[in-house]
Amino acid sequence: MTWYLALPSLVLAVLLVPAGVAALRTGWMLPWQRRHVYRTQLFGWAQLVMAGAFTVQAASALLDDRALRQAASTAGVLGILCGLVLLVLAQRPRTDH
């Protein structure tokens, strides 16, 4: 594999990390996300999980060993799915209110 397959994943990871940290620390989100998100802390964690998963995906594209590359790629996809589940949960209103 070559670097141009890893570059889009790294760009997404670099963009998601500051957004996730901002959502965790201050509750700030991008303007088009504010209307849909009810739980900003969970949303920030979801962004950080997805950033880590995209980093793993980028690293898997650069590995030479086929079995290791496939395992890292699978771990990255599972991380992205976990992040998506957290994003969906962050967009649902709380049931205790």
PDB file of N, CA and C in Angstrom:
ATOM      1  N   MET A   1       0.832  -1.179   0.000  1.00  0.00           N
ATOM      2  CA  MET A   1       0.000   0.000   0.000  1.00  0.00           C
ATOM      3  C   MET A   1       0.876   1.243   0.000  1.00  0.00           C
ATOM      4  N   THR A   2       0.308   2.326  -0.382  1.00  0.00           N
ATOM      5  CA  THR A   2       1.092   3.550  -0.477  1.00  0.00           C
ATOM      6  C   THR A   2       0.475   4.647   0.380  1.00  0.00           C
ATOM      7  N   TRP A   3       1.184   5.742   0.460  1.00  0.00           N
ATOM      8  CA  TRP A   3       0.810   6.836   1.348  1.00  0.00           C
ATOM      9  C   TRP A   3      -0.477   7.528   0.920  1.00  0.00           C
ATOM     10  N   TYR A   4      -0.815   7.527  -0.372  1.00  0.00           N
ATOM     11  CA  TYR A   4      -1.998   8.273  -0.807  1.00  0.00           C
ATOM     12  C   TYR A   4      -3.296   7.612  -0.346  1.00  0.00           C
ATOM     13  N   LEU A   5      -3.246   6.370   0.084  1.00  0.00           N
ATOM     14  CA  LEU A   5      -4.427   5.751   0.681  1.00  0.00           C
ATOM     15  C   LEU A   5      -4.582   6.156   2.152  1.00  0.00           C
ATOM     16  N   ALA A   6      -3.463   6.462   2.795  1.00  0.00           N
ATOM     17  CA  ALA A   6      -3.498   6.839   4.204  1.00  0.00           C
ATOM     18  C   ALA A   6      -3.786   8.324   4.405  1.00  0.00           C
ATOM     19  N   LEU A   7      -3.506   9.139   3.419  1.00  0.00           N
ATOM     20  CA  LEU A   7      -3.639  10.586   3.573  1.00  0.00           C
ATOM     21  C   LEU A   7      -5.060  11.057   3.905  1.00  0.00           C
ATOM     22  N   PRO A   8      -6.119  10.593   3.235  1.00  0.00           N
ATOM     23  CA  PRO A   8      -7.467  11.058   3.613  1.00  0.00           C
ATOM     24  C   PRO A   8      -7.850  10.691   5.042  1.00  0.00           C
ATOM     25  N   SER A   9      -7.443   9.517   5.498  1.00  0.00           N
ATOM     26  CA  SER A   9      -7.747   9.122   6.873  1.00  0.00           C
ATOM     27  C   SER A   9      -7.014  10.002   7.872  1.00  0.00           C
ATOM     28  N   LEU A  10      -5.776  10.336   7.573  1.00  0.00           N
ATOM     29  CA  LEU A  10      -5.023  11.212   8.475  1.00  0.00           C
ATOM     30  C   LEU A  10      -5.608  12.620   8.513  1.00  0.00           C
ATOM     31  N   VAL A  11      -6.057  13.108   7.375  1.00  0.00           N
ATOM     32  CA  VAL A  11      -6.669  14.443   7.335  1.00  0.00           C
ATOM     33  C   VAL A  11      -7.940  14.468   8.177  1.00  0.00           C
ATOM     34  N   LEU A  12      -8.773  13.425   8.054  1.00  0.00           N
ATOM     35  CA  LEU A  12      -9.982  13.357   8.875  1.00  0.00           C
ATOM     36  C   LEU A  12      -9.645  13.275  10.359  1.00  0.00           C
ATOM     37  N   ALA A  13      -8.623  12.508  10.706  1.00  0.00           N
ATOM     38  CA  ALA A  13      -8.227  12.387  12.105  1.00  0.00           C
ATOM     39  C   ALA A  13      -7.747  13.729  12.654  1.00  0.00           C
ATOM     40  N   VAL A  14      -6.965  14.437  11.866  1.00  0.00           N
ATOM     41  CA  VAL A  14      -6.446  15.737  12.314  1.00  0.00           C
ATOM     42  C   VAL A  14      -7.582  16.744  12.477  1.00  0.00           C
ATOM     43  N   LEU A  15      -8.609  16.650  11.672  1.00  0.00           N
ATOM     44  CA  LEU A  15      -9.745  17.563  11.804  1.00  0.00           C
ATOM     45  C   LEU A  15     -10.664  17.188  12.965  1.00  0.00           C
ATOM     46  N   LEU A  16     -10.777  15.896  13.253  1.00  0.00           N
ATOM     47  CA  LEU A  16     -11.684  15.457  14.309  1.00  0.00           C
ATOM     48  C   LEU A  16     -11.135  15.672  15.717  1.00  0.00           C
ATOM     49  N   VAL A  17      -9.815  15.623  15.882  1.00  0.00           N
ATOM     50  CA  VAL A  17      -9.244  15.753  17.230  1.00  0.00           C
ATOM     51  C   VAL A  17      -9.553  17.117  17.856  1.00  0.00           C
ATOM     52  N   PRO A  18      -9.274  18.234  17.200  1.00  0.00           N
ATOM     53  CA  PRO A  18      -9.598  19.513  17.861  1.00  0.00           C
ATOM     54  C   PRO A  18     -11.097  19.712  18.067  1.00  0.00           C
ATOM     55  N   ALA A  19     -11.905  19.209  17.147  1.00  0.00           N
ATOM     56  CA  ALA A  19     -13.351  19.337  17.316  1.00  0.00           C
ATOM     57  C   ALA A  19     -13.826  18.517  18.510  1.00  0.00           C
ATOM     58  N   GLY A  20     -13.283  17.321  18.681  1.00  0.00           N
ATOM     59  CA  GLY A  20     -13.661  16.488  19.827  1.00  0.00           C
ATOM     60  C   GLY A  20     -13.205  17.078  21.141  1.00  0.00           C
ATOM     61  N   VAL A  21     -11.995  17.609  21.172  1.00  0.00           N
ATOM     62  CA  VAL A  21     -11.488  18.230  22.399  1.00  0.00           C
ATOM     63  C   VAL A  21     -12.304  19.476  22.741  1.00  0.00           C
ATOM     64  N   ALA A  22     -12.664  20.254  21.739  1.00  0.00           N
ATOM     65  CA  ALA A  22     -13.475  21.454  21.993  1.00  0.00           C
ATOM     66  C   ALA A  22     -14.859  21.083  22.519  1.00  0.00           C
ATOM     67  N   ALA A  23     -15.439  20.018  22.003  1.00  0.00           N
ATOM     68  CA  ALA A  23     -16.755  19.586  22.486  1.00  0.00           C
ATOM     69  C   ALA A  23     -16.664  19.068  23.914  1.00  0.00           C
ATOM     70  N   LEU A  24     -15.578  18.410  24.251  1.00  0.00           N
ATOM     71  CA  LEU A  24     -15.414  17.891  25.613  1.00  0.00           C
ATOM     72  C   LEU A  24     -15.137  19.002  26.621  1.00  0.00           C
ATOM     73  N   ARG A  25     -14.245  19.897  26.286  1.00  0.00           N
ATOM     74  CA  ARG A  25     -13.807  20.900  27.262  1.00  0.00           C
ATOM     75  C   ARG A  25     -14.788  22.048  27.417  1.00  0.00           C
ATOM     76  N   THR A  26     -15.318  22.548  26.301  1.00  0.00           N
ATOM     77  CA  THR A  26     -16.136  23.762  26.368  1.00  0.00           C
ATOM     78  C   THR A  26     -17.580  23.561  25.924  1.00  0.00           C
ATOM     79  N   GLY A  27     -17.880  22.440  25.287  1.00  0.00           N
ATOM     80  CA  GLY A  27     -19.217  22.236  24.747  1.00  0.00           C
ATOM     81  C   GLY A  27     -19.422  22.888  23.396  1.00  0.00           C
ATOM     82  N   TRP A  28     -18.362  23.430  22.818  1.00  0.00           N
ATOM     83  CA  TRP A  28     -18.461  24.103  21.524  1.00  0.00           C
ATOM     84  C   TRP A  28     -18.505  23.076  20.400  1.00  0.00           C
ATOM     85  N   MET A  29     -19.379  23.315  19.432  1.00  0.00           N
ATOM     86  CA  MET A  29     -19.468  22.467  18.242  1.00  0.00           C
ATOM     87  C   MET A  29     -19.601  23.355  17.023  1.00  0.00           C
ATOM     88  N   LEU A  30     -19.400  22.752  15.873  1.00  0.00           N
ATOM     89  CA  LEU A  30     -19.583  23.487  14.628  1.00  0.00           C
ATOM     90  C   LEU A  30     -21.043  23.909  14.496  1.00  0.00           C
ATOM     91  N   PRO A  31     -21.309  25.058  13.867  1.00  0.00           N
ATOM     92  CA  PRO A  31     -22.677  25.589  13.845  1.00  0.00           C
ATOM     93  C   PRO A  31     -23.720  24.638  13.264  1.00  0.00           C
ATOM     94  N   TRP A  32     -23.395  23.862  12.264  1.00  0.00           N
ATOM     95  CA  TRP A  32     -24.392  22.986  11.657  1.00  0.00           C
ATOM     96  C   TRP A  32     -24.648  21.722  12.493  1.00  0.00           C
ATOM     97  N   GLN A  33     -23.852  21.502  13.524  1.00  0.00           N
ATOM     98  CA  GLN A  33     -24.068  20.352  14.394  1.00  0.00           C
ATOM     99  C   GLN A  33     -24.861  20.707  15.642  1.00  0.00           C
ATOM    100  N   ARG A  34     -24.928  21.956  15.998  1.00  0.00           N
ATOM    101  CA  ARG A  34     -25.542  22.378  17.262  1.00  0.00           C
ATOM    102  C   ARG A  34     -27.021  22.037  17.343  1.00  0.00           C
ATOM    103  N   ARG A  35     -27.707  22.083  16.244  1.00  0.00           N
ATOM    104  CA  ARG A  35     -29.149  21.871  16.239  1.00  0.00           C
ATOM    105  C   ARG A  35     -29.512  20.414  16.526  1.00  0.00           C
ATOM    106  N   HIS A  36     -28.618  19.485  16.171  1.00  0.00           N
ATOM    107  CA  HIS A  36     -28.950  18.069  16.254  1.00  0.00           C
ATOM    108  C   HIS A  36     -28.420  17.362  17.492  1.00  0.00           C
ATOM    109  N   VAL A  37     -27.422  17.921  18.152  1.00  0.00           N
ATOM    110  CA  VAL A  37     -26.747  17.227  19.243  1.00  0.00           C
ATOM    111  C   VAL A  37     -27.317  17.679  20.585  1.00  0.00           C
ATOM    112  N   TYR A  38     -27.697  16.702  21.411  1.00  0.00           N
ATOM    113  CA  TYR A  38     -28.227  16.977  22.743  1.00  0.00           C
ATOM    114  C   TYR A  38     -27.177  16.763  23.832  1.00  0.00           C
ATOM    115  N   ARG A  39     -26.229  15.861  23.609  1.00  0.00           N
ATOM    116  CA  ARG A  39     -25.203  15.541  24.611  1.00  0.00           C
ATOM    117  C   ARG A  39     -23.825  15.842  24.031  1.00  0.00           C
ATOM    118  N   THR A  40     -23.284  16.980  24.384  1.00  0.00           N
ATOM    119  CA  THR A  40     -22.026  17.412  23.783  1.00  0.00           C
ATOM    120  C   THR A  40     -20.834  16.596  24.282  1.00  0.00           C
ATOM    121  N   GLN A  41     -20.850  16.142  25.521  1.00  0.00           N
ATOM    122  CA  GLN A  41     -19.739  15.347  26.034  1.00  0.00           C
ATOM    123  C   GLN A  41     -19.621  14.030  25.266  1.00  0.00           C
ATOM    124  N   LEU A  42     -20.731  13.366  25.075  1.00  0.00           N
ATOM    125  CA  LEU A  42     -20.732  12.107  24.340  1.00  0.00           C
ATOM    126  C   LEU A  42     -20.334  12.334  22.883  1.00  0.00           C
ATOM    127  N   PHE A  43     -20.759  13.467  22.341  1.00  0.00           N
ATOM    128  CA  PHE A  43     -20.395  13.804  20.967  1.00  0.00           C
ATOM    129  C   PHE A  43     -18.888  14.020  20.837  1.00  0.00           C
ATOM    130  N   GLY A  44     -18.291  14.667  21.825  1.00  0.00           N
ATOM    131  CA  GLY A  44     -16.844  14.869  21.808  1.00  0.00           C
ATOM    132  C   GLY A  44     -16.090  13.553  21.889  1.00  0.00           C
ATOM    133  N   TRP A  45     -16.555  12.650  22.760  1.00  0.00           N
ATOM    134  CA  TRP A  45     -15.908  11.332  22.844  1.00  0.00           C
ATOM    135  C   TRP A  45     -16.058  10.559  21.540  1.00  0.00           C
ATOM    136  N   ALA A  46     -17.211  10.690  20.897  1.00  0.00           N
ATOM    137  CA  ALA A  46     -17.419  10.005  19.621  1.00  0.00           C
ATOM    138  C   ALA A  46     -16.439  10.517  18.564  1.00  0.00           C
ATOM    139  N   GLN A  47     -16.211  11.812  18.545  1.00  0.00           N
ATOM    140  CA  GLN A  47     -15.268  12.362  17.581  1.00  0.00           C
ATOM    141  C   GLN A  47     -13.846  11.889  17.858  1.00  0.00           C
ATOM    142  N   LEU A  48     -13.473  11.782  19.119  1.00  0.00           N
ATOM    143  CA  LEU A  48     -12.129  11.298  19.453  1.00  0.00           C
ATOM    144  C   LEU A  48     -11.964   9.815  19.125  1.00  0.00           C
ATOM    145  N   VAL A  49     -13.006   9.027  19.343  1.00  0.00           N
ATOM    146  CA  VAL A  49     -12.944   7.607  18.975  1.00  0.00           C
ATOM    147  C   VAL A  49     -12.792   7.465  17.466  1.00  0.00           C
ATOM    148  N   MET A  50     -13.526   8.263  16.717  1.00  0.00           N
ATOM    149  CA  MET A  50     -13.419   8.182  15.257  1.00  0.00           C
ATOM    150  C   MET A  50     -12.063   8.684  14.781  1.00  0.00           C
ATOM    151  N   ALA A  51     -11.503   9.681  15.439  1.00  0.00           N
ATOM    152  CA  ALA A  51     -10.171  10.152  15.063  1.00  0.00           C
ATOM    153  C   ALA A  51      -9.139   9.053  15.279  1.00  0.00           C
ATOM    154  N   GLY A  52      -9.232   8.348  16.398  1.00  0.00           N
ATOM    155  CA  GLY A  52      -8.329   7.232  16.643  1.00  0.00           C
ATOM    156  C   GLY A  52      -8.511   6.120  15.626  1.00  0.00           C
ATOM    157  N   ALA A  53      -9.748   5.844  15.261  1.00  0.00           N
ATOM    158  CA  ALA A  53     -10.014   4.798  14.280  1.00  0.00           C
ATOM    159  C   ALA A  53      -9.461   5.181  12.904  1.00  0.00           C
ATOM    160  N   PHE A  54      -9.599   6.437  12.529  1.00  0.00           N
ATOM    161  CA  PHE A  54      -9.039   6.867  11.248  1.00  0.00           C
ATOM    162  C   PHE A  54      -7.516   6.823  11.268  1.00  0.00           C
ATOM    163  N   THR A  55      -6.914   7.079  12.412  1.00  0.00           N
ATOM    164  CA  THR A  55      -5.463   6.962  12.526  1.00  0.00           C
ATOM    165  C   THR A  55      -5.023   5.511  12.363  1.00  0.00           C
ATOM    166  N   VAL A  56      -5.759   4.595  12.973  1.00  0.00           N
ATOM    167  CA  VAL A  56      -5.460   3.168  12.806  1.00  0.00           C
ATOM    168  C   VAL A  56      -5.631   2.756  11.347  1.00  0.00           C
ATOM    169  N   GLN A  57      -6.652   3.273  10.688  1.00  0.00           N
ATOM    170  CA  GLN A  57      -6.854   2.977   9.262  1.00  0.00           C
ATOM    171  C   GLN A  57      -5.678   3.480   8.431  1.00  0.00           C
ATOM    172  N   ALA A  58      -5.190   4.661   8.745  1.00  0.00           N
ATOM    173  CA  ALA A  58      -4.047   5.211   8.010  1.00  0.00           C
ATOM    174  C   ALA A  58      -2.804   4.378   8.254  1.00  0.00           C
ATOM    175  N   ALA A  59      -2.607   3.952   9.486  1.00  0.00           N
ATOM    176  CA  ALA A  59      -1.441   3.122   9.793  1.00  0.00           C
ATOM    177  C   ALA A  59      -1.540   1.770   9.111  1.00  0.00           C
ATOM    178  N   SER A  60      -2.746   1.235   9.006  1.00  0.00           N
ATOM    179  CA  SER A  60      -2.895  -0.069   8.357  1.00  0.00           C
ATOM    180  C   SER A  60      -2.586   0.003   6.867  1.00  0.00           C
ATOM    181  N   ALA A  61      -2.812   1.148   6.263  1.00  0.00           N
ATOM    182  CA  ALA A  61      -2.506   1.279   4.841  1.00  0.00           C
ATOM    183  C   ALA A  61      -1.005   1.294   4.583  1.00  0.00           C
ATOM    184  N   LEU A  62      -0.220   1.603   5.596  1.00  0.00           N
ATOM    185  CA  LEU A  62       1.227   1.695   5.423  1.00  0.00           C
ATOM    186  C   LEU A  62       1.977   0.427   5.847  1.00  0.00           C
ATOM    187  N   LEU A  63       1.275  -0.560   6.398  1.00  0.00           N
ATOM    188  CA  LEU A  63       1.921  -1.789   6.846  1.00  0.00           C
ATOM    189  C   LEU A  63       2.230  -2.716   5.669  1.00  0.00           C
ATOM    190  N   ASP A  64       3.313  -3.464   5.798  1.00  0.00           N
ATOM    191  CA  ASP A  64       3.712  -4.392   4.733  1.00  0.00           C
ATOM    192  C   ASP A  64       3.179  -5.800   4.946  1.00  0.00           C
ATOM    193  N   ASP A  65       3.083  -6.237   6.187  1.00  0.00           N
ATOM    194  CA  ASP A  65       2.601  -7.576   6.489  1.00  0.00           C
ATOM    195  C   ASP A  65       1.095  -7.649   6.240  1.00  0.00           C
ATOM    196  N   ARG A  66       0.689  -8.608   5.421  1.00  0.00           N
ATOM    197  CA  ARG A  66      -0.704  -8.679   5.014  1.00  0.00           C
ATOM    198  C   ARG A  66      -1.638  -8.979   6.187  1.00  0.00           C
ATOM    199  N   ALA A  67      -1.273  -9.921   7.042  1.00  0.00           N
ATOM    200  CA  ALA A  67      -2.132 -10.283   8.171  1.00  0.00           C
ATOM    201  C   ALA A  67      -2.248  -9.128   9.162  1.00  0.00           C
ATOM    202  N   LEU A  68      -1.149  -8.470   9.435  1.00  0.00           N
ATOM    203  CA  LEU A  68      -1.173  -7.332  10.352  1.00  0.00           C
ATOM    204  C   LEU A  68      -1.968  -6.170   9.764  1.00  0.00           C
ATOM    205  N   ARG A  69      -1.818  -5.949   8.466  1.00  0.00           N
ATOM    206  CA  ARG A  69      -2.566  -4.884   7.800  1.00  0.00           C
ATOM    207  C   ARG A  69      -4.065  -5.159   7.859  1.00  0.00           C
ATOM    208  N   GLN A  70      -4.455  -6.410   7.646  1.00  0.00           N
ATOM    209  CA  GLN A  70      -5.862  -6.758   7.683  1.00  0.00           C
ATOM    210  C   GLN A  70      -6.431  -6.639   9.096  1.00  0.00           C
ATOM    211  N   ALA A  71      -5.668  -7.043  10.098  1.00  0.00           N
ATOM    212  CA  ALA A  71      -6.121  -6.922  11.486  1.00  0.00           C
ATOM    213  C   ALA A  71      -6.272  -5.454  11.887  1.00  0.00           C
ATOM    214  N   ALA A  72      -5.316  -4.621  11.500  1.00  0.00           N
ATOM    215  CA  ALA A  72      -5.400  -3.196  11.836  1.00  0.00           C
ATOM    216  C   ALA A  72      -6.552  -2.529  11.094  1.00  0.00           C
ATOM    217  N   SER A  73      -6.778  -2.930   9.868  1.00  0.00           N
ATOM    218  CA  SER A  73      -7.885  -2.372   9.100  1.00  0.00           C
ATOM    219  C   SER A  73      -9.225  -2.759   9.714  1.00  0.00           C
ATOM    220  N   THR A  74      -9.331  -3.997  10.159  1.00  0.00           N
ATOM    221  CA  THR A  74     -10.557  -4.447  10.817  1.00  0.00           C
ATOM    222  C   THR A  74     -10.787  -3.695  12.117  1.00  0.00           C
ATOM    223  N   ALA A  75      -9.712  -3.489  12.880  1.00  0.00           N
ATOM    224  CA  ALA A  75      -9.828  -2.718  14.124  1.00  0.00           C
ATOM    225  C   ALA A  75     -10.252  -1.279  13.829  1.00  0.00           C
ATOM    226  N   GLY A  76      -9.750  -0.706  12.752  1.00  0.00           N
ATOM    227  CA  GLY A  76     -10.147   0.649  12.375  1.00  0.00           C
ATOM    228  C   GLY A  76     -11.609   0.739  11.997  1.00  0.00           C
ATOM    229  N   VAL A  77     -12.091  -0.238  11.252  1.00  0.00           N
ATOM    230  CA  VAL A  77     -13.506  -0.237  10.861  1.00  0.00           C
ATOM    231  C   VAL A  77     -14.399  -0.409  12.086  1.00  0.00           C
ATOM    232  N   LEU A  78     -14.009  -1.288  13.001  1.00  0.00           N
ATOM    233  CA  LEU A  78     -14.791  -1.460  14.229  1.00  0.00           C
ATOM    234  C   LEU A  78     -14.779  -0.183  15.074  1.00  0.00           C
ATOM    235  N   GLY A  79     -13.655   0.525  15.088  1.00  0.00           N
ATOM    236  CA  GLY A  79     -13.596   1.793  15.803  1.00  0.00           C
ATOM    237  C   GLY A  79     -14.502   2.845  15.177  1.00  0.00           C
ATOM    238  N   ILE A  80     -14.546   2.883  13.865  1.00  0.00           N
ATOM    239  CA  ILE A  80     -15.435   3.825  13.177  1.00  0.00           C
ATOM    240  C   ILE A  80     -16.889   3.498  13.484  1.00  0.00           C
ATOM    241  N   LEU A  81     -17.232   2.223  13.499  1.00  0.00           N
ATOM    242  CA  LEU A  81     -18.604   1.834  13.832  1.00  0.00           C
ATOM    243  C   LEU A  81     -18.957   2.197  15.269  1.00  0.00           C
ATOM    244  N   CYS A  82     -18.036   2.008  16.199  1.00  0.00           N
ATOM    245  CA  CYS A  82     -18.278   2.414  17.589  1.00  0.00           C
ATOM    246  C   CYS A  82     -18.466   3.924  17.688  1.00  0.00           C
ATOM    247  N   GLY A  83     -17.664   4.676  16.955  1.00  0.00           N
ATOM    248  CA  GLY A  83     -17.818   6.125  16.943  1.00  0.00           C
ATOM    249  C   GLY A  83     -19.153   6.559  16.376  1.00  0.00           C
ATOM    250  N   LEU A  84     -19.615   5.867  15.343  1.00  0.00           N
ATOM    251  CA  LEU A  84     -20.917   6.193  14.763  1.00  0.00           C
ATOM    252  C   LEU A  84     -22.056   5.896  15.736  1.00  0.00           C
ATOM    253  N   VAL A  85     -21.939   4.806  16.481  1.00  0.00           N
ATOM    254  CA  VAL A  85     -22.954   4.499  17.491  1.00  0.00           C
ATOM    255  C   VAL A  85     -22.990   5.600  18.551  1.00  0.00           C
ATOM    256  N   LEU A  86     -21.814   6.060  18.985  1.00  0.00           N
ATOM    257  CA  LEU A  86     -21.768   7.146  19.965  1.00  0.00           C
ATOM    258  C   LEU A  86     -22.354   8.434  19.396  1.00  0.00           C
ATOM    259  N   LEU A  87     -22.109   8.701  18.118  1.00  0.00           N
ATOM    260  CA  LEU A  87     -22.685   9.895  17.487  1.00  0.00           C
ATOM    261  C   LEU A  87     -24.207   9.836  17.467  1.00  0.00           C
ATOM    262  N   VAL A  88     -24.743   8.677  17.158  1.00  0.00           N
ATOM    263  CA  VAL A  88     -26.195   8.528  17.139  1.00  0.00           C
ATOM    264  C   VAL A  88     -26.764   8.701  18.536  1.00  0.00           C
ATOM    265  N   LEU A  89     -26.097   8.130  19.536  1.00  0.00           N
ATOM    266  CA  LEU A  89     -26.574   8.282  20.906  1.00  0.00           C
ATOM    267  C   LEU A  89     -26.488   9.735  21.373  1.00  0.00           C
ATOM    268  N   ALA A  90     -25.502  10.476  20.903  1.00  0.00           N
ATOM    269  CA  ALA A  90     -25.377  11.884  21.277  1.00  0.00           C
ATOM    270  C   ALA A  90     -26.469  12.735  20.655  1.00  0.00           C
ATOM    271  N   GLN A  91     -27.074  12.268  19.594  1.00  0.00           N
ATOM    272  CA  GLN A  91     -28.115  13.042  18.916  1.00  0.00           C
ATOM    273  C   GLN A  91     -29.505  12.687  19.416  1.00  0.00           C
ATOM    274  N   ARG A  92     -29.607  11.755  20.336  1.00  0.00           N
ATOM    275  CA  ARG A  92     -30.917  11.395  20.898  1.00  0.00           C
ATOM    276  C   ARG A  92     -31.112  12.139  22.217  1.00  0.00           C
ATOM    277  N   PRO A  93     -32.298  12.665  22.449  1.00  0.00           N
ATOM    278  CA  PRO A  93     -32.529  13.345  23.721  1.00  0.00           C
ATOM    279  C   PRO A  93     -32.522  12.347  24.874  1.00  0.00           C
ATOM    280  N   ARG A  94     -32.206  12.831  26.066  1.00  0.00           N
ATOM    281  CA  ARG A  94     -32.187  11.973  27.249  1.00  0.00           C
ATOM    282  C   ARG A  94     -33.596  11.522  27.600  1.00  0.00           C
ATOM    283  N   THR A  95     -33.683  10.315  28.117  1.00  0.00           N
ATOM    284  CA  THR A  95     -35.003   9.794  28.456  1.00  0.00           C
ATOM    285  C   THR A  95     -35.441  10.157  29.868  1.00  0.00           C
ATOM    286  N   ASP A  96     -34.524  10.642  30.717  1.00  0.00           N
ATOM    287  CA  ASP A  96     -34.887  10.962  32.095  1.00  0.00           C
ATOM    288  C   ASP A  96     -35.461  12.361  32.262  1.00  0.00           C
ATOM    289  N   HIS A  97     -35.584  13.115  31.197  1.00  0.00           N
ATOM    290  CA  HIS A  97     -36.130  14.487  31.300  1.00  0.00           C
ATOM    291  C   HIS A  97     -37.555  14.526  30.843  1.00  0.00           C
TER     292      HIS A  97
END
